[in-house]
Amino acid sequence: TVSADGLTYTYKLRKGVKWYTSDGEEYAEVTAKDFVTGLK
């Protein structure tokens, strides 16, 4: 969703999307915090 003033973008993430290692092993769930960590 986008706020009426165009300044705030809020994204609802899918539940159950997972991170996997290069061997295909499940590591963790993808969460909103991961996007914050990425930009930092």
ModelCIF file with pLDDT and N, C-alpha, C, O atoms, coordinates in Angstrom:
data_MODEL
#
_entry.id   MODEL 
#
_entity.id                         1 
_entity.type                       polymer 
_entity.pdbx_number_of_molecules   1 
#
_entity_poly.entity_id                      1 
_entity_poly.type                           'polypeptide(L)' 
_entity_poly.nstd_linkage                   no 
_entity_poly.nstd_monomer                   no 
_entity_poly.pdbx_seq_one_letter_code       TVSADGLTYTYKLRKGVKWYTSDGEEYAEVTAKDFVTGLK 
_entity_poly.pdbx_seq_one_letter_code_can   TVSADGLTYTYKLRKGVKWYTSDGEEYAEVTAKDFVTGLK 
_entity_poly.pdbx_strand_id                 A 
#
loop_
_entity_poly_seq.entity_id 
_entity_poly_seq.num 
_entity_poly_seq.mon_id 
_entity_poly_seq.hetero 
1 1  THR n 
1 2  VAL n 
1 3  SER n 
1 4  ALA n 
1 5  ASP n 
1 6  GLY n 
1 7  LEU n 
1 8  THR n 
1 9  TYR n 
1 10 THR n 
1 11 TYR n 
1 12 LYS n 
1 13 LEU n 
1 14 ARG n 
1 15 LYS n 
1 16 GLY n 
1 17 VAL n 
1 18 LYS n 
1 19 TRP n 
1 20 TYR n 
1 21 THR n 
1 22 SER n 
1 23 ASP n 
1 24 GLY n 
1 25 GLU n 
1 26 GLU n 
1 27 TYR n 
1 28 ALA n 
1 29 GLU n 
1 30 VAL n 
1 31 THR n 
1 32 ALA n 
1 33 LYS n 
1 34 ASP n 
1 35 PHE n 
1 36 VAL n 
1 37 THR n 
1 38 GLY n 
1 39 LEU n 
1 40 LYS n 
#
_struct_asym.id          A 
_struct_asym.entity_id   1 
#
loop_
_ma_qa_metric.id 
_ma_qa_metric.mode 
_ma_qa_metric.name 
_ma_qa_metric.software_group_id 
_ma_qa_metric.type 
1 global pLDDT . pLDDT 
2 local  pLDDT . pLDDT 
#
_ma_qa_metric_global.metric_id      1 
_ma_qa_metric_global.metric_value   97.67 
_ma_qa_metric_global.model_id       1 
_ma_qa_metric_global.ordinal_id     1 
#
loop_
_ma_qa_metric_local.label_asym_id 
_ma_qa_metric_local.label_comp_id 
_ma_qa_metric_local.label_seq_id 
_ma_qa_metric_local.metric_id 
_ma_qa_metric_local.metric_value 
_ma_qa_metric_local.model_id 
_ma_qa_metric_local.ordinal_id 
A THR 1  2 97.00 1 1  
A VAL 2  2 97.00 1 2  
A SER 3  2 97.00 1 3  
A ALA 4  2 95.00 1 4  
A ASP 5  2 96.00 1 5  
A GLY 6  2 96.00 1 6  
A LEU 7  2 98.00 1 7  
A THR 8  2 98.00 1 8  
A TYR 9  2 98.00 1 9  
A THR 10 2 98.00 1 10 
A TYR 11 2 98.00 1 11 
A LYS 12 2 98.00 1 12 
A LEU 13 2 98.00 1 13 
A ARG 14 2 98.00 1 14 
A LYS 15 2 98.00 1 15 
A GLY 16 2 97.00 1 16 
A VAL 17 2 98.00 1 17 
A LYS 18 2 98.00 1 18 
A TRP 19 2 98.00 1 19 
A TYR 20 2 98.00 1 20 
A THR 21 2 98.00 1 21 
A SER 22 2 98.00 1 22 
A ASP 23 2 97.00 1 23 
A GLY 24 2 97.00 1 24 
A GLU 25 2 98.00 1 25 
A GLU 26 2 98.00 1 26 
A TYR 27 2 98.00 1 27 
A ALA 28 2 98.00 1 28 
A GLU 29 2 98.00 1 29 
A VAL 30 2 98.00 1 30 
A THR 31 2 98.00 1 31 
A ALA 32 2 98.00 1 32 
A LYS 33 2 98.00 1 33 
A ASP 34 2 98.00 1 34 
A PHE 35 2 98.00 1 35 
A VAL 36 2 98.00 1 36 
A THR 37 2 98.00 1 37 
A GLY 38 2 98.00 1 38 
A LEU 39 2 98.00 1 39 
A LYS 40 2 98.00 1 40 
#
loop_
_atom_site.group_PDB 
_atom_site.id 
_atom_site.type_symbol 
_atom_site.label_atom_id 
_atom_site.label_alt_id 
_atom_site.label_comp_id 
_atom_site.label_asym_id 
_atom_site.label_entity_id 
_atom_site.label_seq_id 
_atom_site.pdbx_PDB_ins_code 
_atom_site.Cartn_x 
_atom_site.Cartn_y 
_atom_site.Cartn_z 
_atom_site.occupancy 
_atom_site.B_iso_or_equiv 
_atom_site.pdbx_formal_charge 
_atom_site.auth_seq_id 
_atom_site.auth_comp_id 
_atom_site.auth_asym_id 
_atom_site.auth_atom_id 
_atom_site.pdbx_PDB_model_num 
ATOM 1   N N  . THR A 1 1  ? 0.857  -1.187  0.000  1.00 97.00 ? 1  THR A N  1 
ATOM 2   C CA . THR A 1 1  ? 0.000  0.000   0.000  1.00 97.00 ? 1  THR A CA 1 
ATOM 3   C C  . THR A 1 1  ? 0.894  1.238   0.000  1.00 97.00 ? 1  THR A C  1 
ATOM 4   O O  . THR A 1 1  ? 2.035  1.210   0.460  1.00 97.00 ? 1  THR A O  1 
ATOM 5   N N  . VAL A 1 2  ? 0.336  2.320   -0.530 1.00 97.00 ? 2  VAL A N  1 
ATOM 6   C CA . VAL A 1 2  ? 1.039  3.600   -0.590 1.00 97.00 ? 2  VAL A CA 1 
ATOM 7   C C  . VAL A 1 2  ? 0.168  4.636   0.115  1.00 97.00 ? 2  VAL A C  1 
ATOM 8   O O  . VAL A 1 2  ? -1.033 4.717   -0.142 1.00 97.00 ? 2  VAL A O  1 
ATOM 9   N N  . SER A 1 3  ? 0.761  5.416   0.991  1.00 97.00 ? 3  SER A N  1 
ATOM 10  C CA . SER A 1 3  ? -0.008 6.445   1.682  1.00 97.00 ? 3  SER A CA 1 
ATOM 11  C C  . SER A 1 3  ? -0.482 7.505   0.696  1.00 97.00 ? 3  SER A C  1 
ATOM 12  O O  . SER A 1 3  ? 0.122  7.689   -0.360 1.00 97.00 ? 3  SER A O  1 
ATOM 13  N N  . ALA A 1 4  ? -1.547 8.193   1.035  1.00 95.00 ? 4  ALA A N  1 
ATOM 14  C CA . ALA A 1 4  ? -2.148 9.182   0.143  1.00 95.00 ? 4  ALA A CA 1 
ATOM 15  C C  . ALA A 1 4  ? -1.161 10.290  -0.234 1.00 95.00 ? 4  ALA A C  1 
ATOM 16  O O  . ALA A 1 4  ? -1.252 10.859  -1.322 1.00 95.00 ? 4  ALA A O  1 
ATOM 17  N N  . ASP A 1 5  ? -0.211 10.598  0.674  1.00 96.00 ? 5  ASP A N  1 
ATOM 18  C CA . ASP A 1 5  ? 0.766  11.646  0.363  1.00 96.00 ? 5  ASP A CA 1 
ATOM 19  C C  . ASP A 1 5  ? 1.967  11.116  -0.422 1.00 96.00 ? 5  ASP A C  1 
ATOM 20  O O  . ASP A 1 5  ? 2.869  11.881  -0.761 1.00 96.00 ? 5  ASP A O  1 
ATOM 21  N N  . GLY A 1 6  ? 1.986  9.810   -0.714 1.00 96.00 ? 6  GLY A N  1 
ATOM 22  C CA . GLY A 1 6  ? 3.045  9.221   -1.522 1.00 96.00 ? 6  GLY A CA 1 
ATOM 23  C C  . GLY A 1 6  ? 4.364  9.053   -0.807 1.00 96.00 ? 6  GLY A C  1 
ATOM 24  O O  . GLY A 1 6  ? 5.382  8.799   -1.451 1.00 96.00 ? 6  GLY A O  1 
ATOM 25  N N  . LEU A 1 7  ? 4.378  9.188   0.522  1.00 98.00 ? 7  LEU A N  1 
ATOM 26  C CA . LEU A 1 7  ? 5.636  9.146   1.261  1.00 98.00 ? 7  LEU A CA 1 
ATOM 27  C C  . LEU A 1 7  ? 5.902  7.820   1.974  1.00 98.00 ? 7  LEU A C  1 
ATOM 28  O O  . LEU A 1 7  ? 7.038  7.540   2.358  1.00 98.00 ? 7  LEU A O  1 
ATOM 29  N N  . THR A 1 8  ? 4.872  7.013   2.150  1.00 98.00 ? 8  THR A N  1 
ATOM 30  C CA . THR A 1 8  ? 5.043  5.776   2.903  1.00 98.00 ? 8  THR A CA 1 
ATOM 31  C C  . THR A 1 8  ? 4.601  4.570   2.073  1.00 98.00 ? 8  THR A C  1 
ATOM 32  O O  . THR A 1 8  ? 3.463  4.506   1.609  1.00 98.00 ? 8  THR A O  1 
ATOM 33  N N  . TYR A 1 9  ? 5.517  3.619   1.895  1.00 98.00 ? 9  TYR A N  1 
ATOM 34  C CA . TYR A 1 9  ? 5.236  2.376   1.177  1.00 98.00 ? 9  TYR A CA 1 
ATOM 35  C C  . TYR A 1 9  ? 5.308  1.227   2.172  1.00 98.00 ? 9  TYR A C  1 
ATOM 36  O O  . TYR A 1 9  ? 6.338  1.008   2.810  1.00 98.00 ? 9  TYR A O  1 
ATOM 37  N N  . THR A 1 10 ? 4.210  0.501   2.296  1.00 98.00 ? 10 THR A N  1 
ATOM 38  C CA . THR A 1 10 ? 4.141  -0.608  3.244  1.00 98.00 ? 10 THR A CA 1 
ATOM 39  C C  . THR A 1 10 ? 3.923  -1.907  2.480  1.00 98.00 ? 10 THR A C  1 
ATOM 40  O O  . THR A 1 10 ? 2.965  -2.039  1.718  1.00 98.00 ? 10 THR A O  1 
ATOM 41  N N  . TYR A 1 11 ? 4.821  -2.865  2.691  1.00 98.00 ? 11 TYR A N  1 
ATOM 42  C CA . TYR A 1 11 ? 4.793  -4.132  1.952  1.00 98.00 ? 11 TYR A CA 1 
ATOM 43  C C  . TYR A 1 11 ? 4.447  -5.276  2.898  1.00 98.00 ? 11 TYR A C  1 
ATOM 44  O O  . TYR A 1 11 ? 5.055  -5.427  3.958  1.00 98.00 ? 11 TYR A O  1 
ATOM 45  N N  . LYS A 1 12 ? 3.466  -6.078  2.501  1.00 98.00 ? 12 LYS A N  1 
ATOM 46  C CA . LYS A 1 12 ? 3.100  -7.277  3.238  1.00 98.00 ? 12 LYS A CA 1 
ATOM 47  C C  . LYS A 1 12 ? 3.819  -8.472  2.609  1.00 98.00 ? 12 LYS A C  1 
ATOM 48  O O  . LYS A 1 12 ? 3.641  -8.754  1.424  1.00 98.00 ? 12 LYS A O  1 
ATOM 49  N N  . LEU A 1 13 ? 4.627  -9.167  3.401  1.00 98.00 ? 13 LEU A N  1 
ATOM 50  C CA . LEU A 1 13 ? 5.445  -10.255 2.880  1.00 98.00 ? 13 LEU A CA 1 
ATOM 51  C C  . LEU A 1 13 ? 4.716  -11.593 2.930  1.00 98.00 ? 13 LEU A C  1 
ATOM 52  O O  . LEU A 1 13 ? 3.835  -11.811 3.762  1.00 98.00 ? 13 LEU A O  1 
ATOM 53  N N  . ARG A 1 14 ? 5.100  -12.469 2.030  1.00 98.00 ? 14 ARG A N  1 
ATOM 54  C CA . ARG A 1 14 ? 4.577  -13.833 2.043  1.00 98.00 ? 14 ARG A CA 1 
ATOM 55  C C  . ARG A 1 14 ? 5.123  -14.566 3.273  1.00 98.00 ? 14 ARG A C  1 
ATOM 56  O O  . ARG A 1 14 ? 6.271  -14.369 3.672  1.00 98.00 ? 14 ARG A O  1 
ATOM 57  N N  . LYS A 1 15 ? 4.300  -15.389 3.847  1.00 98.00 ? 15 LYS A N  1 
ATOM 58  C CA . LYS A 1 15 ? 4.764  -16.242 4.929  1.00 98.00 ? 15 LYS A CA 1 
ATOM 59  C C  . LYS A 1 15 ? 5.300  -17.547 4.343  1.00 98.00 ? 15 LYS A C  1 
ATOM 60  O O  . LYS A 1 15 ? 4.781  -18.059 3.351  1.00 98.00 ? 15 LYS A O  1 
ATOM 61  N N  . GLY A 1 16 ? 6.328  -18.062 4.963  1.00 97.00 ? 16 GLY A N  1 
ATOM 62  C CA . GLY A 1 16 ? 6.843  -19.362 4.554  1.00 97.00 ? 16 GLY A CA 1 
ATOM 63  C C  . GLY A 1 16 ? 7.903  -19.344 3.474  1.00 97.00 ? 16 GLY A C  1 
ATOM 64  O O  . GLY A 1 16 ? 8.350  -20.406 3.040  1.00 97.00 ? 16 GLY A O  1 
ATOM 65  N N  . VAL A 1 17 ? 8.328  -18.147 3.018  1.00 98.00 ? 17 VAL A N  1 
ATOM 66  C CA . VAL A 1 17 ? 9.434  -18.076 2.059  1.00 98.00 ? 17 VAL A CA 1 
ATOM 67  C C  . VAL A 1 17 ? 10.721 -18.317 2.828  1.00 98.00 ? 17 VAL A C  1 
ATOM 68  O O  . VAL A 1 17 ? 10.965 -17.671 3.847  1.00 98.00 ? 17 VAL A O  1 
ATOM 69  N N  . LYS A 1 18 ? 11.551 -19.248 2.348  1.00 98.00 ? 18 LYS A N  1 
ATOM 70  C CA . LYS A 1 18 ? 12.726 -19.667 3.107  1.00 98.00 ? 18 LYS A CA 1 
ATOM 71  C C  . LYS A 1 18 ? 14.043 -19.316 2.414  1.00 98.00 ? 18 LYS A C  1 
ATOM 72  O O  . LYS A 1 18 ? 14.124 -19.183 1.193  1.00 98.00 ? 18 LYS A O  1 
ATOM 73  N N  . TRP A 1 19 ? 15.066 -19.173 3.251  1.00 98.00 ? 19 TRP A N  1 
ATOM 74  C CA . TRP A 1 19 ? 16.453 -19.091 2.790  1.00 98.00 ? 19 TRP A CA 1 
ATOM 75  C C  . TRP A 1 19 ? 17.012 -20.512 2.707  1.00 98.00 ? 19 TRP A C  1 
ATOM 76  O O  . TRP A 1 19 ? 16.718 -21.360 3.550  1.00 98.00 ? 19 TRP A O  1 
ATOM 77  N N  . TYR A 1 20 ? 17.830 -20.756 1.667  1.00 98.00 ? 20 TYR A N  1 
ATOM 78  C CA . TYR A 1 20 ? 18.478 -22.058 1.527  1.00 98.00 ? 20 TYR A CA 1 
ATOM 79  C C  . TYR A 1 20 ? 19.964 -21.867 1.276  1.00 98.00 ? 20 TYR A C  1 
ATOM 80  O O  . TYR A 1 20 ? 20.391 -20.876 0.684  1.00 98.00 ? 20 TYR A O  1 
ATOM 81  N N  . THR A 1 21 ? 20.736 -22.830 1.734  1.00 98.00 ? 21 THR A N  1 
ATOM 82  C CA . THR A 1 21 ? 22.172 -22.811 1.475  1.00 98.00 ? 21 THR A CA 1 
ATOM 83  C C  . THR A 1 21 ? 22.433 -23.275 0.045  1.00 98.00 ? 21 THR A C  1 
ATOM 84  O O  . THR A 1 21 ? 21.517 -23.704 -0.657 1.00 98.00 ? 21 THR A O  1 
ATOM 85  N N  . SER A 1 22 ? 23.689 -23.185 -0.374 1.00 98.00 ? 22 SER A N  1 
ATOM 86  C CA . SER A 1 22 ? 24.046 -23.637 -1.722 1.00 98.00 ? 22 SER A CA 1 
ATOM 87  C C  . SER A 1 22 ? 23.857 -25.142 -1.877 1.00 98.00 ? 22 SER A C  1 
ATOM 88  O O  . SER A 1 22 ? 23.810 -25.650 -2.998 1.00 98.00 ? 22 SER A O  1 
ATOM 89  N N  . ASP A 1 23 ? 23.748 -25.852 -0.769 1.00 97.00 ? 23 ASP A N  1 
ATOM 90  C CA . ASP A 1 23 ? 23.478 -27.294 -0.818 1.00 97.00 ? 23 ASP A CA 1 
ATOM 91  C C  . ASP A 1 23 ? 21.981 -27.601 -0.822 1.00 97.00 ? 23 ASP A C  1 
ATOM 92  O O  . ASP A 1 23 ? 21.578 -28.763 -0.858 1.00 97.00 ? 23 ASP A O  1 
ATOM 93  N N  . GLY A 1 24 ? 21.160 -26.546 -0.785 1.00 97.00 ? 24 GLY A N  1 
ATOM 94  C CA . GLY A 1 24 ? 19.717 -26.745 -0.805 1.00 97.00 ? 24 GLY A CA 1 
ATOM 95  C C  . GLY A 1 24 ? 19.106 -26.987 0.553  1.00 97.00 ? 24 GLY A C  1 
ATOM 96  O O  . GLY A 1 24 ? 17.937 -27.362 0.643  1.00 97.00 ? 24 GLY A O  1 
ATOM 97  N N  . GLU A 1 25 ? 19.875 -26.782 1.627  1.00 98.00 ? 25 GLU A N  1 
ATOM 98  C CA . GLU A 1 25 ? 19.360 -27.005 2.973  1.00 98.00 ? 25 GLU A CA 1 
ATOM 99  C C  . GLU A 1 25 ? 18.671 -25.746 3.494  1.00 98.00 ? 25 GLU A C  1 
ATOM 100 O O  . GLU A 1 25 ? 19.168 -24.635 3.309  1.00 98.00 ? 25 GLU A O  1 
ATOM 101 N N  . GLU A 1 26 ? 17.524 -25.928 4.146  1.00 98.00 ? 26 GLU A N  1 
ATOM 102 C CA . GLU A 1 26 ? 16.792 -24.796 4.697  1.00 98.00 ? 26 GLU A CA 1 
ATOM 103 C C  . GLU A 1 26 ? 17.599 -24.141 5.815  1.00 98.00 ? 26 GLU A C  1 
ATOM 104 O O  . GLU A 1 26 ? 18.159 -24.818 6.677  1.00 98.00 ? 26 GLU A O  1 
ATOM 105 N N  . TYR A 1 27 ? 17.647 -22.798 5.782  1.00 98.00 ? 27 TYR A N  1 
ATOM 106 C CA . TYR A 1 27 ? 18.431 -22.063 6.787  1.00 98.00 ? 27 TYR A CA 1 
ATOM 107 C C  . TYR A 1 27 ? 17.533 -21.264 7.722  1.00 98.00 ? 27 TYR A C  1 
ATOM 108 O O  . TYR A 1 27 ? 17.673 -21.347 8.942  1.00 98.00 ? 27 TYR A O  1 
ATOM 109 N N  . ALA A 1 28 ? 16.601 -20.482 7.147  1.00 98.00 ? 28 ALA A N  1 
ATOM 110 C CA . ALA A 1 28 ? 15.718 -19.644 7.973  1.00 98.00 ? 28 ALA A CA 1 
ATOM 111 C C  . ALA A 1 28 ? 14.595 -19.112 7.101  1.00 98.00 ? 28 ALA A C  1 
ATOM 112 O O  . ALA A 1 28 ? 14.631 -19.224 5.876  1.00 98.00 ? 28 ALA A O  1 
ATOM 113 N N  . GLU A 1 29 ? 13.594 -18.529 7.756  1.00 98.00 ? 29 GLU A N  1 
ATOM 114 C CA . GLU A 1 29 ? 12.513 -17.885 7.008  1.00 98.00 ? 29 GLU A CA 1 
ATOM 115 C C  . GLU A 1 29 ? 12.936 -16.474 6.626  1.00 98.00 ? 29 GLU A C  1 
ATOM 116 O O  . GLU A 1 29 ? 13.668 -15.815 7.365  1.00 98.00 ? 29 GLU A O  1 
ATOM 117 N N  . VAL A 1 30 ? 12.473 -16.015 5.469  1.00 98.00 ? 30 VAL A N  1 
ATOM 118 C CA . VAL A 1 30 ? 12.717 -14.643 5.030  1.00 98.00 ? 30 VAL A CA 1 
ATOM 119 C C  . VAL A 1 30 ? 11.718 -13.740 5.746  1.00 98.00 ? 30 VAL A C  1 
ATOM 120 O O  . VAL A 1 30 ? 10.509 -13.960 5.671  1.00 98.00 ? 30 VAL A O  1 
ATOM 121 N N  . THR A 1 31 ? 12.229 -12.723 6.441  1.00 98.00 ? 31 THR A N  1 
ATOM 122 C CA . THR A 1 31 ? 11.362 -11.805 7.180  1.00 98.00 ? 31 THR A CA 1 
ATOM 123 C C  . THR A 1 31 ? 11.653 -10.361 6.786  1.00 98.00 ? 31 THR A C  1 
ATOM 124 O O  . THR A 1 31 ? 12.615 -10.076 6.073  1.00 98.00 ? 31 THR A O  1 
ATOM 125 N N  . ALA A 1 32 ? 10.818 -9.476  7.256  1.00 98.00 ? 32 ALA A N  1 
ATOM 126 C CA . ALA A 1 32 ? 10.978 -8.051  6.952  1.00 98.00 ? 32 ALA A CA 1 
ATOM 127 C C  . ALA A 1 32 ? 12.322 -7.529  7.458  1.00 98.00 ? 32 ALA A C  1 
ATOM 128 O O  . ALA A 1 32 ? 12.921 -6.649  6.839  1.00 98.00 ? 32 ALA A O  1 
ATOM 129 N N  . LYS A 1 33 ? 12.789 -8.065  8.569  1.00 98.00 ? 33 LYS A N  1 
ATOM 130 C CA . LYS A 1 33 ? 14.069 -7.627  9.133  1.00 98.00 ? 33 LYS A CA 1 
ATOM 131 C C  . LYS A 1 33 ? 15.208 -7.829  8.137  1.00 98.00 ? 33 LYS A C  1 
ATOM 132 O O  . LYS A 1 33 ? 16.171 -7.063  8.133  1.00 98.00 ? 33 LYS A O  1 
ATOM 133 N N  . ASP A 1 34 ? 15.103 -8.854  7.295  1.00 98.00 ? 34 ASP A N  1 
ATOM 134 C CA . ASP A 1 34 ? 16.161 -9.141  6.328  1.00 98.00 ? 34 ASP A CA 1 
ATOM 135 C C  . ASP A 1 34 ? 16.343 -7.991  5.336  1.00 98.00 ? 34 ASP A C  1 
ATOM 136 O O  . ASP A 1 34 ? 17.453 -7.745  4.864  1.00 98.00 ? 34 ASP A O  1 
ATOM 137 N N  . PHE A 1 35 ? 15.271 -7.301  5.027  1.00 98.00 ? 35 PHE A N  1 
ATOM 138 C CA . PHE A 1 35 ? 15.360 -6.170  4.098  1.00 98.00 ? 35 PHE A CA 1 
ATOM 139 C C  . PHE A 1 35 ? 16.015 -4.965  4.771  1.00 98.00 ? 35 PHE A C  1 
ATOM 140 O O  . PHE A 1 35 ? 16.762 -4.219  4.137  1.00 98.00 ? 35 PHE A O  1 
ATOM 141 N N  . VAL A 1 36 ? 15.732 -4.784  6.045  1.00 98.00 ? 36 VAL A N  1 
ATOM 142 C CA . VAL A 1 36 ? 16.380 -3.715  6.807  1.00 98.00 ? 36 VAL A CA 1 
ATOM 143 C C  . VAL A 1 36 ? 17.874 -4.003  6.913  1.00 98.00 ? 36 VAL A C  1 
ATOM 144 O O  . VAL A 1 36 ? 18.704 -3.117  6.709  1.00 98.00 ? 36 VAL A O  1 
ATOM 145 N N  . THR A 1 37 ? 18.205 -5.249  7.235  1.00 98.00 ? 37 THR A N  1 
ATOM 146 C CA . THR A 1 37 ? 19.610 -5.659  7.331  1.00 98.00 ? 37 THR A CA 1 
ATOM 147 C C  . THR A 1 37 ? 20.326 -5.445  6.006  1.00 98.00 ? 37 THR A C  1 
ATOM 148 O O  . THR A 1 37 ? 21.480 -5.020  5.971  1.00 98.00 ? 37 THR A O  1 
ATOM 149 N N  . GLY A 1 38 ? 19.631 -5.743  4.926  1.00 98.00 ? 38 GLY A N  1 
ATOM 150 C CA . GLY A 1 38 ? 20.238 -5.596  3.608  1.00 98.00 ? 38 GLY A CA 1 
ATOM 151 C C  . GLY A 1 38 ? 20.618 -4.170  3.290  1.00 98.00 ? 38 GLY A C  1 
ATOM 152 O O  . GLY A 1 38 ? 21.732 -3.912  2.833  1.00 98.00 ? 38 GLY A O  1 
ATOM 153 N N  . LEU A 1 39 ? 19.705 -3.231  3.527  1.00 98.00 ? 39 LEU A N  1 
ATOM 154 C CA . LEU A 1 39 ? 20.005 -1.832  3.215  1.00 98.00 ? 39 LEU A CA 1 
ATOM 155 C C  . LEU A 1 39 ? 21.092 -1.294  4.142  1.00 98.00 ? 39 LEU A C  1 
ATOM 156 O O  . LEU A 1 39 ? 21.929 -0.501  3.713  1.00 98.00 ? 39 LEU A O  1 
ATOM 157 N N  . LYS A 1 40 ? 21.090 -1.713  5.400  1.00 98.00 ? 40 LYS A N  1 
ATOM 158 C CA . LYS A 1 40 ? 22.131 -1.270  6.331  1.00 98.00 ? 40 LYS A CA 1 
ATOM 159 C C  . LYS A 1 40 ? 23.499 -1.790  5.887  1.00 98.00 ? 40 LYS A C  1 
ATOM 160 O O  . LYS A 1 40 ? 24.505 -1.522  6.544  1.00 98.00 ? 40 LYS A O  1 
#
